[in-house]
Amino acid sequence: MPQRNKNPKYIVKQIANSRMIYLFQKAHDIFPENKVLANRYIYLARRYAQRAKIKVPFEWKKRICHKCKMFLYPGMNCRVRMHSQKGKGSHVSLTCFECNKTTRYFIKLKNKKN
């Protein structure tokens, strides 16, 4: 009786991670010419992450709108603003032009040693 070849989970996760990063890079490259194809690449990359139960890297996660799941390309379909508040800290806000969702990424303050 032949044995079944089962891929260990870490190999499946490595393959899914490499494909996911490749799709994110392709979406970034092709977005100015074809927005629909770039959004399809983002959808497929997210599906790879869901199926393999891996996290989307933070640098790419912040390039996806949390509401409409579209690829955010600064200057074309999203606005990037930096806000600073004395004492509270600073944050970067991304506003999607498709759904008008504003996402804030807070910048941690370093503790001052007196």
C-alpha atoms as a PDB file:
ATOM      1  CA  MET A   1       0.000   0.000   0.000  1.00  0.00           C
ATOM      2  CA  PRO A   2       1.595   3.333  -1.027  1.00  0.00           C
ATOM      3  CA  GLN A   3       1.956   5.984   1.617  1.00  0.00           C
ATOM      4  CA  ARG A   4       0.251   9.298   1.197  1.00  0.00           C
ATOM      5  CA  ASN A   5       2.485  12.329   0.971  1.00  0.00           C
ATOM      6  CA  LYS A   6       1.206  14.867   3.440  1.00  0.00           C
ATOM      7  CA  ASN A   7       2.781  18.284   3.392  1.00  0.00           C
ATOM      8  CA  PRO A   8       3.700  19.500   6.834  1.00  0.00           C
ATOM      9  CA  LYS A   9       1.801  22.621   7.828  1.00  0.00           C
ATOM     10  CA  TYR A  10       4.889  24.818   7.912  1.00  0.00           C
ATOM     11  CA  ILE A  11       5.614  24.106   4.220  1.00  0.00           C
ATOM     12  CA  VAL A  12       2.043  25.040   3.293  1.00  0.00           C
ATOM     13  CA  LYS A  13       2.372  28.238   5.320  1.00  0.00           C
ATOM     14  CA  GLN A  14       5.686  29.131   3.668  1.00  0.00           C
ATOM     15  CA  ILE A  15       4.219  28.651   0.198  1.00  0.00           C
ATOM     16  CA  ALA A  16       1.122  30.673   1.070  1.00  0.00           C
ATOM     17  CA  ASN A  17       3.256  33.452   2.562  1.00  0.00           C
ATOM     18  CA  SER A  18       5.490  33.699  -0.510  1.00  0.00           C
ATOM     19  CA  ARG A  19       2.475  33.762  -2.857  1.00  0.00           C
ATOM     20  CA  MET A  20       0.732  36.350  -0.681  1.00  0.00           C
ATOM     21  CA  ILE A  21       3.745  38.706  -0.697  1.00  0.00           C
ATOM     22  CA  TYR A  22       4.142  38.224  -4.452  1.00  0.00           C
ATOM     23  CA  LEU A  23       0.481  39.164  -5.024  1.00  0.00           C
ATOM     24  CA  PHE A  24       0.804  42.264  -2.847  1.00  0.00           C
ATOM     25  CA  GLN A  25       3.842  43.403  -4.820  1.00  0.00           C
ATOM     26  CA  LYS A  26       2.083  42.767  -8.145  1.00  0.00           C
ATOM     27  CA  ALA A  27      -0.975  44.709  -6.922  1.00  0.00           C
ATOM     28  CA  HIS A  28       1.241  47.644  -5.989  1.00  0.00           C
ATOM     29  CA  ASP A  29       2.947  47.588  -9.394  1.00  0.00           C
ATOM     30  CA  ILE A  30      -0.193  47.252 -11.515  1.00  0.00           C
ATOM     31  CA  PHE A  31      -2.564  49.552  -9.586  1.00  0.00           C
ATOM     32  CA  PRO A  32      -1.948  52.725 -11.668  1.00  0.00           C
ATOM     33  CA  GLU A  33      -2.833  50.876 -14.892  1.00  0.00           C
ATOM     34  CA  ASN A  34      -5.551  48.441 -13.778  1.00  0.00           C
ATOM     35  CA  LYS A  35      -7.335  48.999 -10.456  1.00  0.00           C
ATOM     36  CA  VAL A  36      -9.705  46.056 -10.849  1.00  0.00           C
ATOM     37  CA  LEU A  37      -6.879  43.563 -11.337  1.00  0.00           C
ATOM     38  CA  ALA A  38      -4.967  45.009  -8.377  1.00  0.00           C
ATOM     39  CA  ASN A  39      -8.017  44.604  -6.145  1.00  0.00           C
ATOM     40  CA  ARG A  40      -8.387  41.015  -7.363  1.00  0.00           C
ATOM     41  CA  TYR A  41      -4.763  40.328  -6.393  1.00  0.00           C
ATOM     42  CA  ILE A  42      -5.472  41.743  -2.929  1.00  0.00           C
ATOM     43  CA  TYR A  43      -8.533  39.528  -2.596  1.00  0.00           C
ATOM     44  CA  LEU A  44      -6.509  36.440  -3.545  1.00  0.00           C
ATOM     45  CA  ALA A  45      -3.670  37.360  -1.173  1.00  0.00           C
ATOM     46  CA  ARG A  46      -6.115  37.734   1.710  1.00  0.00           C
ATOM     47  CA  ARG A  47      -7.643  34.357   0.854  1.00  0.00           C
ATOM     48  CA  TYR A  48      -4.190  32.722   0.972  1.00  0.00           C
ATOM     49  CA  ALA A  49      -3.700  34.174   4.440  1.00  0.00           C
ATOM     50  CA  GLN A  50      -7.111  32.982   5.616  1.00  0.00           C
ATOM     51  CA  ARG A  51      -6.722  29.477   4.248  1.00  0.00           C
ATOM     52  CA  ALA A  52      -3.223  28.959   5.639  1.00  0.00           C
ATOM     53  CA  LYS A  53      -4.058  30.781   8.910  1.00  0.00           C
ATOM     54  CA  ILE A  54      -1.176  33.203   8.629  1.00  0.00           C
ATOM     55  CA  LYS A  55      -1.069  36.927   9.367  1.00  0.00           C
ATOM     56  CA  VAL A  56      -0.838  39.543   6.672  1.00  0.00           C
ATOM     57  CA  PRO A  57       2.376  41.553   7.253  1.00  0.00           C
ATOM     58  CA  PHE A  58       1.728  44.952   8.838  1.00  0.00           C
ATOM     59  CA  GLU A  59       3.282  46.921   5.989  1.00  0.00           C
ATOM     60  CA  TRP A  60       0.730  45.376   3.606  1.00  0.00           C
ATOM     61  CA  LYS A  61      -2.138  45.202   6.077  1.00  0.00           C
ATOM     62  CA  LYS A  62      -2.206  48.981   6.374  1.00  0.00           C
ATOM     63  CA  ARG A  63      -2.523  49.213   2.565  1.00  0.00           C
ATOM     64  CA  ILE A  64      -5.972  47.540   2.632  1.00  0.00           C
ATOM     65  CA  CYS A  65      -9.129  49.446   3.559  1.00  0.00           C
ATOM     66  CA  HIS A  66     -10.720  47.861   6.621  1.00  0.00           C
ATOM     67  CA  LYS A  67     -14.247  48.559   5.391  1.00  0.00           C
ATOM     68  CA  CYS A  68     -14.345  47.959   1.627  1.00  0.00           C
ATOM     69  CA  LYS A  69     -11.173  45.757   1.404  1.00  0.00           C
ATOM     70  CA  MET A  70      -9.789  47.747  -1.532  1.00  0.00           C
ATOM     71  CA  PHE A  71      -6.072  48.303  -2.123  1.00  0.00           C
ATOM     72  CA  LEU A  72      -5.000  51.734  -0.893  1.00  0.00           C
ATOM     73  CA  TYR A  73      -2.566  53.599  -3.112  1.00  0.00           C
ATOM     74  CA  PRO A  74      -1.668  56.975  -1.569  1.00  0.00           C
ATOM     75  CA  GLY A  75      -2.510  59.907  -3.800  1.00  0.00           C
ATOM     76  CA  MET A  76      -4.793  57.916  -6.091  1.00  0.00           C
ATOM     77  CA  ASN A  77      -7.535  56.404  -3.960  1.00  0.00           C
ATOM     78  CA  CYS A  78      -6.565  57.390  -0.426  1.00  0.00           C
ATOM     79  CA  ARG A  79      -5.352  60.402   1.510  1.00  0.00           C
ATOM     80  CA  VAL A  80      -2.546  60.217   4.082  1.00  0.00           C
ATOM     81  CA  ARG A  81      -2.330  62.779   6.875  1.00  0.00           C
ATOM     82  CA  MET A  82      -0.075  63.066   9.899  1.00  0.00           C
ATOM     83  CA  HIS A  83      -1.526  64.541  13.083  1.00  0.00           C
ATOM     84  CA  SER A  84       0.386  65.467  16.181  1.00  0.00           C
ATOM     85  CA  GLN A  85      -1.157  66.243  19.537  1.00  0.00           C
ATOM     86  CA  LYS A  86       0.894  67.524  22.407  1.00  0.00           C
ATOM     87  CA  GLY A  87       0.908  65.073  25.286  1.00  0.00           C
ATOM     88  CA  LYS A  88      -1.330  62.512  23.588  1.00  0.00           C
ATOM     89  CA  GLY A  89       1.040  61.478  20.839  1.00  0.00           C
ATOM     90  CA  SER A  90       0.774  61.435  17.086  1.00  0.00           C
ATOM     91  CA  HIS A  91      -1.062  59.384  14.513  1.00  0.00           C
ATOM     92  CA  VAL A  92      -1.234  58.827  10.789  1.00  0.00           C
ATOM     93  CA  SER A  93      -4.703  58.798   9.272  1.00  0.00           C
ATOM     94  CA  LEU A  94      -5.552  57.073   5.995  1.00  0.00           C
ATOM     95  CA  THR A  95      -8.848  58.031   4.334  1.00  0.00           C
ATOM     96  CA  CYS A  96     -10.215  55.748   1.620  1.00  0.00           C
ATOM     97  CA  PHE A  97     -11.893  57.624  -1.243  1.00  0.00           C
ATOM     98  CA  GLU A  98     -14.093  54.623  -2.127  1.00  0.00           C
ATOM     99  CA  CYS A  99     -15.965  54.361   1.189  1.00  0.00           C
ATOM    100  CA  ASN A 100     -14.687  57.421   3.153  1.00  0.00           C
ATOM    101  CA  LYS A 101     -13.428  55.228   5.990  1.00  0.00           C
ATOM    102  CA  THR A 102     -10.676  56.828   8.082  1.00  0.00           C
ATOM    103  CA  THR A 103      -8.152  54.509   9.709  1.00  0.00           C
ATOM    104  CA  ARG A 104      -5.730  55.813  12.313  1.00  0.00           C
ATOM    105  CA  TYR A 105      -2.344  54.322  13.124  1.00  0.00           C
ATOM    106  CA  PHE A 106      -0.998  55.705  16.387  1.00  0.00           C
ATOM    107  CA  ILE A 107       2.672  56.434  16.901  1.00  0.00           C
ATOM    108  CA  LYS A 108       3.889  55.511  20.364  1.00  0.00           C
ATOM    109  CA  LEU A 109       5.692  58.106  22.406  1.00  0.00           C
ATOM    110  CA  LYS A 110       9.020  57.204  23.957  1.00  0.00           C
ATOM    111  CA  ASN A 111       9.029  57.558  27.725  1.00  0.00           C
ATOM    112  CA  LYS A 112      11.235  60.408  28.867  1.00  0.00           C
ATOM    113  CA  LYS A 113      13.626  59.586  31.657  1.00  0.00           C
ATOM    114  CA  ASN A 114      14.026  62.424  34.139  1.00  0.00           C
END
